[in-house]
Amino acid sequence: YGDSLGGNSRTLMITCVSPSSDSFEETLNSLKYAKRARDIQNRPIINKDVIELEMQRMESEILQLRQQLKTRENSSSEVSGSDIESLQEEKSHLESELD
């Protein structure tokens, strides 16, 4: 019964009791169940979307590659065409993975 009361949310339980002796068994059972439910301990976890995490990783990598390209352009006026082509191919590949 712990799974039905667990999860990443708060649970509120209201237990109805009656002072009538006719309802003694039902009241006692309600109180026992409420006590067991109160004793349930949850360990909430953050729900993570695998696709979202992968997209964040790729976007970070694209940003890093852009910074590398900008650094190379600023540090050397004679960047070889093959370096630029390989970086552009890698950028295109990463962008196509994002789509």
PDB file of N, CA and C in Angstrom:
ATOM      1  N   TYR A   1       0.807  -1.195   0.000  1.00  0.00           N
ATOM      2  CA  TYR A   1       0.000   0.000   0.000  1.00  0.00           C
ATOM      3  C   TYR A   1       0.848   1.256   0.000  1.00  0.00           C
ATOM      4  N   GLY A   2       2.152   1.112   0.216  1.00  0.00           N
ATOM      5  CA  GLY A   2       3.052   2.253   0.220  1.00  0.00           C
ATOM      6  C   GLY A   2       3.168   2.931  -1.127  1.00  0.00           C
ATOM      7  N   ASP A   3       3.075   2.142  -2.216  1.00  0.00           N
ATOM      8  CA  ASP A   3       3.189   2.729  -3.547  1.00  0.00           C
ATOM      9  C   ASP A   3       2.016   3.641  -3.862  1.00  0.00           C
ATOM     10  N   SER A   4       0.837   3.307  -3.378  1.00  0.00           N
ATOM     11  CA  SER A   4      -0.326   4.141  -3.678  1.00  0.00           C
ATOM     12  C   SER A   4      -0.274   5.469  -2.941  1.00  0.00           C
ATOM     13  N   LEU A   5       0.453   5.544  -1.853  1.00  0.00           N
ATOM     14  CA  LEU A   5       0.582   6.792  -1.094  1.00  0.00           C
ATOM     15  C   LEU A   5       1.928   7.465  -1.323  1.00  0.00           C
ATOM     16  N   GLY A   6       2.797   6.840  -2.082  1.00  0.00           N
ATOM     17  CA  GLY A   6       4.129   7.378  -2.282  1.00  0.00           C
ATOM     18  C   GLY A   6       4.199   8.264  -3.504  1.00  0.00           C
ATOM     19  N   GLY A   7       5.389   8.436  -4.011  1.00  0.00           N
ATOM     20  CA  GLY A   7       5.596   9.251  -5.191  1.00  0.00           C
ATOM     21  C   GLY A   7       6.175  10.600  -4.839  1.00  0.00           C
ATOM     22  N   ASN A   8       6.195  11.469  -5.822  1.00  0.00           N
ATOM     23  CA  ASN A   8       6.771  12.802  -5.648  1.00  0.00           C
ATOM     24  C   ASN A   8       5.688  13.825  -5.317  1.00  0.00           C
ATOM     25  N   SER A   9       4.857  13.530  -4.370  1.00  0.00           N
ATOM     26  CA  SER A   9       3.804  14.462  -3.986  1.00  0.00           C
ATOM     27  C   SER A   9       3.518  14.319  -2.498  1.00  0.00           C
ATOM     28  N   ARG A  10       2.774  15.257  -1.978  1.00  0.00           N
ATOM     29  CA  ARG A  10       2.354  15.187  -0.586  1.00  0.00           C
ATOM     30  C   ARG A  10       0.985  14.536  -0.539  1.00  0.00           C
ATOM     31  N   THR A  11       0.741  13.788   0.509  1.00  0.00           N
ATOM     32  CA  THR A  11      -0.537  13.096   0.676  1.00  0.00           C
ATOM     33  C   THR A  11      -1.191  13.587   1.957  1.00  0.00           C
ATOM     34  N   LEU A  12      -2.459  13.888   1.874  1.00  0.00           N
ATOM     35  CA  LEU A  12      -3.232  14.306   3.028  1.00  0.00           C
ATOM     36  C   LEU A  12      -4.274  13.232   3.297  1.00  0.00           C
ATOM     37  N   MET A  13      -4.352  12.798   4.531  1.00  0.00           N
ATOM     38  CA  MET A  13      -5.341  11.782   4.882  1.00  0.00           C
ATOM     39  C   MET A  13      -6.224  12.336   5.989  1.00  0.00           C
ATOM     40  N   ILE A  14      -7.515  12.210   5.793  1.00  0.00           N
ATOM     41  CA  ILE A  14      -8.485  12.601   6.808  1.00  0.00           C
ATOM     42  C   ILE A  14      -9.173  11.326   7.268  1.00  0.00           C
ATOM     43  N   THR A  15      -9.150  11.096   8.571  1.00  0.00           N
ATOM     44  CA  THR A  15      -9.746   9.888   9.129  1.00  0.00           C
ATOM     45  C   THR A  15     -10.989  10.278   9.921  1.00  0.00           C
ATOM     46  N   CYS A  16     -12.082   9.656   9.598  1.00  0.00           N
ATOM     47  CA  CYS A  16     -13.334   9.924  10.305  1.00  0.00           C
ATOM     48  C   CYS A  16     -13.483   8.925  11.449  1.00  0.00           C
ATOM     49  N   VAL A  17     -13.767   9.443  12.629  1.00  0.00           N
ATOM     50  CA  VAL A  17     -13.978   8.592  13.801  1.00  0.00           C
ATOM     51  C   VAL A  17     -15.329   8.931  14.410  1.00  0.00           C
ATOM     52  N   SER A  18     -15.852   8.001  15.160  1.00  0.00           N
ATOM     53  CA  SER A  18     -17.157   8.192  15.786  1.00  0.00           C
ATOM     54  C   SER A  18     -17.072   7.808  17.260  1.00  0.00           C
ATOM     55  N   PRO A  19     -17.699   8.595  18.134  1.00  0.00           N
ATOM     56  CA  PRO A  19     -17.688   8.252  19.560  1.00  0.00           C
ATOM     57  C   PRO A  19     -18.684   7.137  19.902  1.00  0.00           C
ATOM     58  N   SER A  20     -19.464   6.742  18.929  1.00  0.00           N
ATOM     59  CA  SER A  20     -20.494   5.726  19.167  1.00  0.00           C
ATOM     60  C   SER A  20     -19.854   4.351  19.351  1.00  0.00           C
ATOM     61  N   SER A  21     -20.362   3.596  20.327  1.00  0.00           N
ATOM     62  CA  SER A  21     -19.846   2.241  20.553  1.00  0.00           C
ATOM     63  C   SER A  21     -20.229   1.305  19.413  1.00  0.00           C
ATOM     64  N   ASP A  22     -21.260   1.646  18.673  1.00  0.00           N
ATOM     65  CA  ASP A  22     -21.654   0.833  17.515  1.00  0.00           C
ATOM     66  C   ASP A  22     -20.583   0.875  16.420  1.00  0.00           C
ATOM     67  N   SER A  23     -19.825   1.968  16.348  1.00  0.00           N
ATOM     68  CA  SER A  23     -18.812   2.150  15.303  1.00  0.00           C
ATOM     69  C   SER A  23     -17.407   1.914  15.810  1.00  0.00           C
ATOM     70  N   PHE A  24     -17.262   1.279  16.959  1.00  0.00           N
ATOM     71  CA  PHE A  24     -15.943   1.100  17.571  1.00  0.00           C
ATOM     72  C   PHE A  24     -14.964   0.382  16.639  1.00  0.00           C
ATOM     73  N   GLU A  25     -15.350  -0.749  16.052  1.00  0.00           N
ATOM     74  CA  GLU A  25     -14.449  -1.526  15.189  1.00  0.00           C
ATOM     75  C   GLU A  25     -14.025  -0.716  13.963  1.00  0.00           C
ATOM     76  N   GLU A  26     -14.974  -0.047  13.342  1.00  0.00           N
ATOM     77  CA  GLU A  26     -14.661   0.747  12.151  1.00  0.00           C
ATOM     78  C   GLU A  26     -13.746   1.913  12.503  1.00  0.00           C
ATOM     79  N   THR A  27     -13.994   2.569  13.630  1.00  0.00           N
ATOM     80  CA  THR A  27     -13.148   3.673  14.071  1.00  0.00           C
ATOM     81  C   THR A  27     -11.740   3.173  14.380  1.00  0.00           C
ATOM     82  N   LEU A  28     -11.622   2.047  15.065  1.00  0.00           N
ATOM     83  CA  LEU A  28     -10.321   1.484  15.394  1.00  0.00           C
ATOM     84  C   LEU A  28      -9.538   1.126  14.132  1.00  0.00           C
ATOM     85  N   ASN A  29     -10.203   0.489  13.166  1.00  0.00           N
ATOM     86  CA  ASN A  29      -9.539   0.139  11.904  1.00  0.00           C
ATOM     87  C   ASN A  29      -9.097   1.385  11.140  1.00  0.00           C
ATOM     88  N   SER A  30      -9.927   2.426  11.158  1.00  0.00           N
ATOM     89  CA  SER A  30      -9.562   3.680  10.484  1.00  0.00           C
ATOM     90  C   SER A  30      -8.330   4.300  11.116  1.00  0.00           C
ATOM     91  N   LEU A  31      -8.268   4.291  12.434  1.00  0.00           N
ATOM     92  CA  LEU A  31      -7.118   4.864  13.133  1.00  0.00           C
ATOM     93  C   LEU A  31      -5.848   4.052  12.898  1.00  0.00           C
ATOM     94  N   LYS A  32      -5.964   2.729  12.861  1.00  0.00           N
ATOM     95  CA  LYS A  32      -4.793   1.879  12.574  1.00  0.00           C
ATOM     96  C   LYS A  32      -4.272   2.142  11.170  1.00  0.00           C
ATOM     97  N   TYR A  33      -5.194   2.235  10.200  1.00  0.00           N
ATOM     98  CA  TYR A  33      -4.776   2.490   8.815  1.00  0.00           C
ATOM     99  C   TYR A  33      -4.111   3.866   8.711  1.00  0.00           C
ATOM    100  N   ALA A  34      -4.687   4.872   9.366  1.00  0.00           N
ATOM    101  CA  ALA A  34      -4.112   6.222   9.332  1.00  0.00           C
ATOM    102  C   ALA A  34      -2.709   6.227   9.939  1.00  0.00           C
ATOM    103  N   LYS A  35      -2.504   5.467  11.008  1.00  0.00           N
ATOM    104  CA  LYS A  35      -1.174   5.392  11.617  1.00  0.00           C
ATOM    105  C   LYS A  35      -0.169   4.743  10.668  1.00  0.00           C
ATOM    106  N   ARG A  36      -0.579   3.652  10.012  1.00  0.00           N
ATOM    107  CA  ARG A  36       0.331   2.996   9.045  1.00  0.00           C
ATOM    108  C   ARG A  36       0.650   3.934   7.879  1.00  0.00           C
ATOM    109  N   ALA A  37      -0.361   4.645   7.405  1.00  0.00           N
ATOM    110  CA  ALA A  37      -0.137   5.580   6.293  1.00  0.00           C
ATOM    111  C   ALA A  37       0.792   6.716   6.711  1.00  0.00           C
ATOM    112  N   ARG A  38       0.669   7.188   7.944  1.00  0.00           N
ATOM    113  CA  ARG A  38       1.526   8.264   8.443  1.00  0.00           C
ATOM    114  C   ARG A  38       2.986   7.819   8.515  1.00  0.00           C
ATOM    115  N   ASP A  39       3.209   6.560   8.780  1.00  0.00           N
ATOM    116  CA  ASP A  39       4.568   6.050   8.945  1.00  0.00           C
ATOM    117  C   ASP A  39       5.292   5.792   7.621  1.00  0.00           C
ATOM    118  N   ILE A  40       4.620   5.940   6.505  1.00  0.00           N
ATOM    119  CA  ILE A  40       5.260   5.732   5.200  1.00  0.00           C
ATOM    120  C   ILE A  40       6.276   6.841   4.962  1.00  0.00           C
ATOM    121  N   GLN A  41       7.495   6.463   4.631  1.00  0.00           N
ATOM    122  CA  GLN A  41       8.559   7.415   4.350  1.00  0.00           C
ATOM    123  C   GLN A  41       8.842   7.417   2.859  1.00  0.00           C
ATOM    124  N   ASN A  42       8.804   8.581   2.250  1.00  0.00           N
ATOM    125  CA  ASN A  42       9.096   8.717   0.817  1.00  0.00           C
ATOM    126  C   ASN A  42      10.470   9.315   0.619  1.00  0.00           C
ATOM    127  N   ARG A  43      11.092   8.955  -0.454  1.00  0.00           N
ATOM    128  CA  ARG A  43      12.344   9.560  -0.881  1.00  0.00           C
ATOM    129  C   ARG A  43      12.103  10.167  -2.258  1.00  0.00           C
ATOM    130  N   PRO A  44      11.684  11.437  -2.287  1.00  0.00           N
ATOM    131  CA  PRO A  44      11.368  12.046  -3.578  1.00  0.00           C
ATOM    132  C   PRO A  44      12.613  12.176  -4.444  1.00  0.00           C
ATOM    133  N   ILE A  45      12.415  12.002  -5.741  1.00  0.00           N
ATOM    134  CA  ILE A  45      13.495  12.151  -6.706  1.00  0.00           C
ATOM    135  C   ILE A  45      13.051  13.142  -7.768  1.00  0.00           C
ATOM    136  N   ILE A  46      14.005  13.755  -8.375  1.00  0.00           N
ATOM    137  CA  ILE A  46      13.708  14.706  -9.448  1.00  0.00           C
ATOM    138  C   ILE A  46      13.496  13.913 -10.724  1.00  0.00           C
ATOM    139  N   ASN A  47      12.367  14.166 -11.368  1.00  0.00           N
ATOM    140  CA  ASN A  47      12.095  13.507 -12.642  1.00  0.00           C
ATOM    141  C   ASN A  47      12.971  14.157 -13.711  1.00  0.00           C
ATOM    142  N   LYS A  48      13.754  13.346 -14.395  1.00  0.00           N
ATOM    143  CA  LYS A  48      14.660  13.863 -15.408  1.00  0.00           C
ATOM    144  C   LYS A  48      14.275  13.297 -16.763  1.00  0.00           C
ATOM    145  N   ASP A  49      14.178  14.182 -17.719  1.00  0.00           N
ATOM    146  CA  ASP A  49      13.860  13.789 -19.079  1.00  0.00           C
ATOM    147  C   ASP A  49      15.183  13.520 -19.799  1.00  0.00           C
ATOM    148  N   VAL A  50      15.364  12.294 -20.242  1.00  0.00           N
ATOM    149  CA  VAL A  50      16.625  11.885 -20.874  1.00  0.00           C
ATOM    150  C   VAL A  50      16.881  12.696 -22.138  1.00  0.00           C
ATOM    151  N   ILE A  51      15.851  12.949 -22.910  1.00  0.00           N
ATOM    152  CA  ILE A  51      16.015  13.706 -24.160  1.00  0.00           C
ATOM    153  C   ILE A  51      16.436  15.136 -23.848  1.00  0.00           C
ATOM    154  N   GLU A  52      15.815  15.732 -22.841  1.00  0.00           N
ATOM    155  CA  GLU A  52      16.162  17.100 -22.456  1.00  0.00           C
ATOM    156  C   GLU A  52      17.617  17.182 -21.986  1.00  0.00           C
ATOM    157  N   LEU A  53      18.066  16.210 -21.206  1.00  0.00           N
ATOM    158  CA  LEU A  53      19.458  16.196 -20.747  1.00  0.00           C
ATOM    159  C   LEU A  53      20.424  16.080 -21.921  1.00  0.00           C
ATOM    160  N   GLU A  54      20.087  15.237 -22.889  1.00  0.00           N
ATOM    161  CA  GLU A  54      20.949  15.067 -24.066  1.00  0.00           C
ATOM    162  C   GLU A  54      20.983  16.350 -24.891  1.00  0.00           C
ATOM    163  N   MET A  55      19.849  17.016 -25.030  1.00  0.00           N
ATOM    164  CA  MET A  55      19.812  18.281 -25.779  1.00  0.00           C
ATOM    165  C   MET A  55      20.656  19.343 -25.085  1.00  0.00           C
ATOM    166  N   GLN A  56      20.594  19.410 -23.757  1.00  0.00           N
ATOM    167  CA  GLN A  56      21.414  20.369 -23.016  1.00  0.00           C
ATOM    168  C   GLN A  56      22.896  20.082 -23.219  1.00  0.00           C
ATOM    169  N   ARG A  57      23.263  18.797 -23.214  1.00  0.00           N
ATOM    170  CA  ARG A  57      24.652  18.429 -23.416  1.00  0.00           C
ATOM    171  C   ARG A  57      25.133  18.861 -24.801  1.00  0.00           C
ATOM    172  N   MET A  58      24.293  18.601 -25.831  1.00  0.00           N
ATOM    173  CA  MET A  58      24.675  18.954 -27.191  1.00  0.00           C
ATOM    174  C   MET A  58      24.737  20.466 -27.382  1.00  0.00           C
ATOM    175  N   GLU A  59      23.792  21.197 -26.789  1.00  0.00           N
ATOM    176  CA  GLU A  59      23.826  22.658 -26.895  1.00  0.00           C
ATOM    177  C   GLU A  59      25.080  23.220 -26.235  1.00  0.00           C
ATOM    178  N   SER A  60      25.467  22.626 -25.110  1.00  0.00           N
ATOM    179  CA  SER A  60      26.692  23.046 -24.437  1.00  0.00           C
ATOM    180  C   SER A  60      27.912  22.780 -25.316  1.00  0.00           C
ATOM    181  N   GLU A  61      27.905  21.630 -25.966  1.00  0.00           N
ATOM    182  CA  GLU A  61      29.017  21.285 -26.856  1.00  0.00           C
ATOM    183  C   GLU A  61      29.080  22.221 -28.053  1.00  0.00           C
ATOM    184  N   ILE A  62      27.939  22.586 -28.614  1.00  0.00           N
ATOM    185  CA  ILE A  62      27.904  23.521 -29.737  1.00  0.00           C
ATOM    186  C   ILE A  62      28.454  24.875 -29.302  1.00  0.00           C
ATOM    187  N   LEU A  63      28.056  25.333 -28.115  1.00  0.00           N
ATOM    188  CA  LEU A  63      28.561  26.601 -27.596  1.00  0.00           C
ATOM    189  C   LEU A  63      30.073  26.556 -27.424  1.00  0.00           C
ATOM    190  N   GLN A  64      30.574  25.441 -26.913  1.00  0.00           N
ATOM    191  CA  GLN A  64      32.017  25.275 -26.729  1.00  0.00           C
ATOM    192  C   GLN A  64      32.740  25.295 -28.077  1.00  0.00           C
ATOM    193  N   LEU A  65      32.189  24.630 -29.069  1.00  0.00           N
ATOM    194  CA  LEU A  65      32.806  24.617 -30.402  1.00  0.00           C
ATOM    195  C   LEU A  65      32.799  26.011 -31.033  1.00  0.00           C
ATOM    196  N   ARG A  66      31.711  26.746 -30.826  1.00  0.00           N
ATOM    197  CA  ARG A  66      31.658  28.120 -31.353  1.00  0.00           C
ATOM    198  C   ARG A  66      32.729  28.985 -30.706  1.00  0.00           C
ATOM    199  N   GLN A  67      32.921  28.805 -29.389  1.00  0.00           N
ATOM    200  CA  GLN A  67      33.961  29.570 -28.689  1.00  0.00           C
ATOM    201  C   GLN A  67      35.348  29.191 -29.197  1.00  0.00           C
ATOM    202  N   GLN A  68      35.559  27.904 -29.452  1.00  0.00           N
ATOM    203  CA  GLN A  68      36.849  27.467 -30.001  1.00  0.00           C
ATOM    204  C   GLN A  68      37.082  28.085 -31.368  1.00  0.00           C
ATOM    205  N   LEU A  69      36.049  28.096 -32.180  1.00  0.00           N
ATOM    206  CA  LEU A  69      36.166  28.664 -33.520  1.00  0.00           C
ATOM    207  C   LEU A  69      36.461  30.151 -33.444  1.00  0.00           C
ATOM    208  N   LYS A  70      35.775  30.862 -32.551  1.00  0.00           N
ATOM    209  CA  LYS A  70      36.006  32.295 -32.391  1.00  0.00           C
ATOM    210  C   LYS A  70      37.419  32.562 -31.894  1.00  0.00           C
ATOM    211  N   THR A  71      37.901  31.732 -30.960  1.00  0.00           N
ATOM    212  CA  THR A  71      39.256  31.878 -30.432  1.00  0.00           C
ATOM    213  C   THR A  71      40.290  31.669 -31.533  1.00  0.00           C
ATOM    214  N   ARG A  72      40.063  30.663 -32.364  1.00  0.00           N
ATOM    215  CA  ARG A  72      41.007  30.397 -33.462  1.00  0.00           C
ATOM    216  C   ARG A  72      40.999  31.523 -34.480  1.00  0.00           C
ATOM    217  N   GLU A  73      39.821  32.076 -34.744  1.00  0.00           N
ATOM    218  CA  GLU A  73      39.735  33.180 -35.701  1.00  0.00           C
ATOM    219  C   GLU A  73      40.462  34.404 -35.173  1.00  0.00           C
ATOM    220  N   ASN A  74      40.364  34.663 -33.869  1.00  0.00           N
ATOM    221  CA  ASN A  74      40.999  35.843 -33.278  1.00  0.00           C
ATOM    222  C   ASN A  74      42.499  35.656 -33.090  1.00  0.00           C
ATOM    223  N   SER A  75      42.953  34.439 -32.792  1.00  0.00           N
ATOM    224  CA  SER A  75      44.366  34.225 -32.484  1.00  0.00           C
ATOM    225  C   SER A  75      45.226  34.075 -33.735  1.00  0.00           C
ATOM    226  N   SER A  76      44.642  33.632 -34.800  1.00  0.00           N
ATOM    227  CA  SER A  76      45.450  33.414 -36.002  1.00  0.00           C
ATOM    228  C   SER A  76      44.676  33.858 -37.224  1.00  0.00           C
ATOM    229  N   SER A  77      45.320  34.709 -37.993  1.00  0.00           N
ATOM    230  CA  SER A  77      44.662  35.161 -39.218  1.00  0.00           C
ATOM    231  C   SER A  77      44.804  34.125 -40.317  1.00  0.00           C
ATOM    232  N   GLU A  78      45.719  33.171 -40.136  1.00  0.00           N
ATOM    233  CA  GLU A  78      45.950  32.145 -41.137  1.00  0.00           C
ATOM    234  C   GLU A  78      45.471  30.778 -40.646  1.00  0.00           C
ATOM    235  N   VAL A  79      44.184  30.651 -40.473  1.00  0.00           N
ATOM    236  CA  VAL A  79      43.612  29.368 -40.099  1.00  0.00           C
ATOM    237  C   VAL A  79      43.428  28.577 -41.382  1.00  0.00           C
ATOM    238  N   SER A  80      43.800  27.323 -41.314  1.00  0.00           N
ATOM    239  CA  SER A  80      43.696  26.523 -42.531  1.00  0.00           C
ATOM    240  C   SER A  80      42.238  26.258 -42.858  1.00  0.00           C
ATOM    241  N   GLY A  81      41.978  26.118 -44.135  1.00  0.00           N
ATOM    242  CA  GLY A  81      40.618  25.853 -44.595  1.00  0.00           C
ATOM    243  C   GLY A  81      40.100  24.518 -44.089  1.00  0.00           C
ATOM    244  N   SER A  82      40.993  23.551 -43.902  1.00  0.00           N
ATOM    245  CA  SER A  82      40.560  22.245 -43.433  1.00  0.00           C
ATOM    246  C   SER A  82      40.080  22.301 -41.987  1.00  0.00           C
ATOM    247  N   ASP A  83      40.723  23.170 -41.166  1.00  0.00           N
ATOM    248  CA  ASP A  83      40.266  23.340 -39.778  1.00  0.00           C
ATOM    249  C   ASP A  83      38.842  23.897 -39.736  1.00  0.00           C
ATOM    250  N   ILE A  84      38.597  24.896 -40.536  1.00  0.00           N
ATOM    251  CA  ILE A  84      37.272  25.516 -40.577  1.00  0.00           C
ATOM    252  C   ILE A  84      36.246  24.518 -41.090  1.00  0.00           C
ATOM    253  N   GLU A  85      36.603  23.787 -42.126  1.00  0.00           N
ATOM    254  CA  GLU A  85      35.681  22.803 -42.690  1.00  0.00           C
ATOM    255  C   GLU A  85      35.341  21.720 -41.671  1.00  0.00           C
ATOM    256  N   SER A  86      36.348  21.221 -40.943  1.00  0.00           N
ATOM    257  CA  SER A  86      36.078  20.162 -39.969  1.00  0.00           C
ATOM    258  C   SER A  86      35.201  20.667 -38.828  1.00  0.00           C
ATOM    259  N   LEU A  87      35.441  21.899 -38.375  1.00  0.00           N
ATOM    260  CA  LEU A  87      34.599  22.465 -37.323  1.00  0.00           C
ATOM    261  C   LEU A  87      33.173  22.699 -37.815  1.00  0.00           C
ATOM    262  N   GLN A  88      33.042  23.162 -39.055  1.00  0.00           N
ATOM    263  CA  GLN A  88      31.701  23.381 -39.596  1.00  0.00           C
ATOM    264  C   GLN A  88      30.961  22.057 -39.784  1.00  0.00           C
ATOM    265  N   GLU A  89      31.681  21.016 -40.195  1.00  0.00           N
ATOM    266  CA  GLU A  89      31.055  19.702 -40.332  1.00  0.00           C
ATOM    267  C   GLU A  89      30.592  19.185 -38.973  1.00  0.00           C
ATOM    268  N   GLU A  90      31.426  19.352 -37.955  1.00  0.00           N
ATOM    269  CA  GLU A  90      31.060  18.899 -36.609  1.00  0.00           C
ATOM    270  C   GLU A  90      29.872  19.690 -36.075  1.00  0.00           C
ATOM    271  N   LYS A  91      29.861  20.998 -36.351  1.00  0.00           N
ATOM    272  CA  LYS A  91      28.747  21.842 -35.939  1.00  0.00           C
ATOM    273  C   LYS A  91      27.463  21.394 -36.633  1.00  0.00           C
ATOM    274  N   SER A  92      27.538  21.144 -37.920  1.00  0.00           N
ATOM    275  CA  SER A  92      26.359  20.690 -38.674  1.00  0.00           C
ATOM    276  C   SER A  92      25.860  19.356 -38.152  1.00  0.00           C
ATOM    277  N   HIS A  93      26.794  18.475 -37.851  1.00  0.00           N
ATOM    278  CA  HIS A  93      26.424  17.158 -37.310  1.00  0.00           C
ATOM    279  C   HIS A  93      25.690  17.300 -35.981  1.00  0.00           C
ATOM    280  N   LEU A  94      26.220  18.141 -35.077  1.00  0.00           N
ATOM    281  CA  LEU A  94      25.591  18.335 -33.779  1.00  0.00           C
ATOM    282  C   LEU A  94      24.221  19.002 -33.911  1.00  0.00           C
ATOM    283  N   GLU A  95      24.124  19.977 -34.818  1.00  0.00           N
ATOM    284  CA  GLU A  95      22.836  20.646 -35.011  1.00  0.00           C
ATOM    285  C   GLU A  95      21.808  19.680 -35.595  1.00  0.00           C
ATOM    286  N   SER A  96      22.242  18.787 -36.474  1.00  0.00           N
ATOM    287  CA  SER A  96      21.296  17.817 -37.025  1.00  0.00           C
ATOM    288  C   SER A  96      20.838  16.826 -35.954  1.00  0.00           C
ATOM    289  N   GLU A  97      21.689  16.534 -34.982  1.00  0.00           N
ATOM    290  CA  GLU A  97      21.276  15.669 -33.870  1.00  0.00           C
ATOM    291  C   GLU A  97      20.235  16.354 -33.003  1.00  0.00           C
ATOM    292  N   LEU A  98      20.315  17.683 -32.879  1.00  0.00           N
ATOM    293  CA  LEU A  98      19.323  18.412 -32.098  1.00  0.00           C
ATOM    294  C   LEU A  98      17.946  18.369 -32.750  1.00  0.00           C
ATOM    295  N   ASP A  99      17.923  18.349 -34.066  1.00  0.00           N
ATOM    296  CA  ASP A  99      16.628  18.302 -34.777  1.00  0.00           C
ATOM    297  C   ASP A  99      16.108  16.916 -34.690  1.00  0.00           C
TER     298      ASP A  99
END
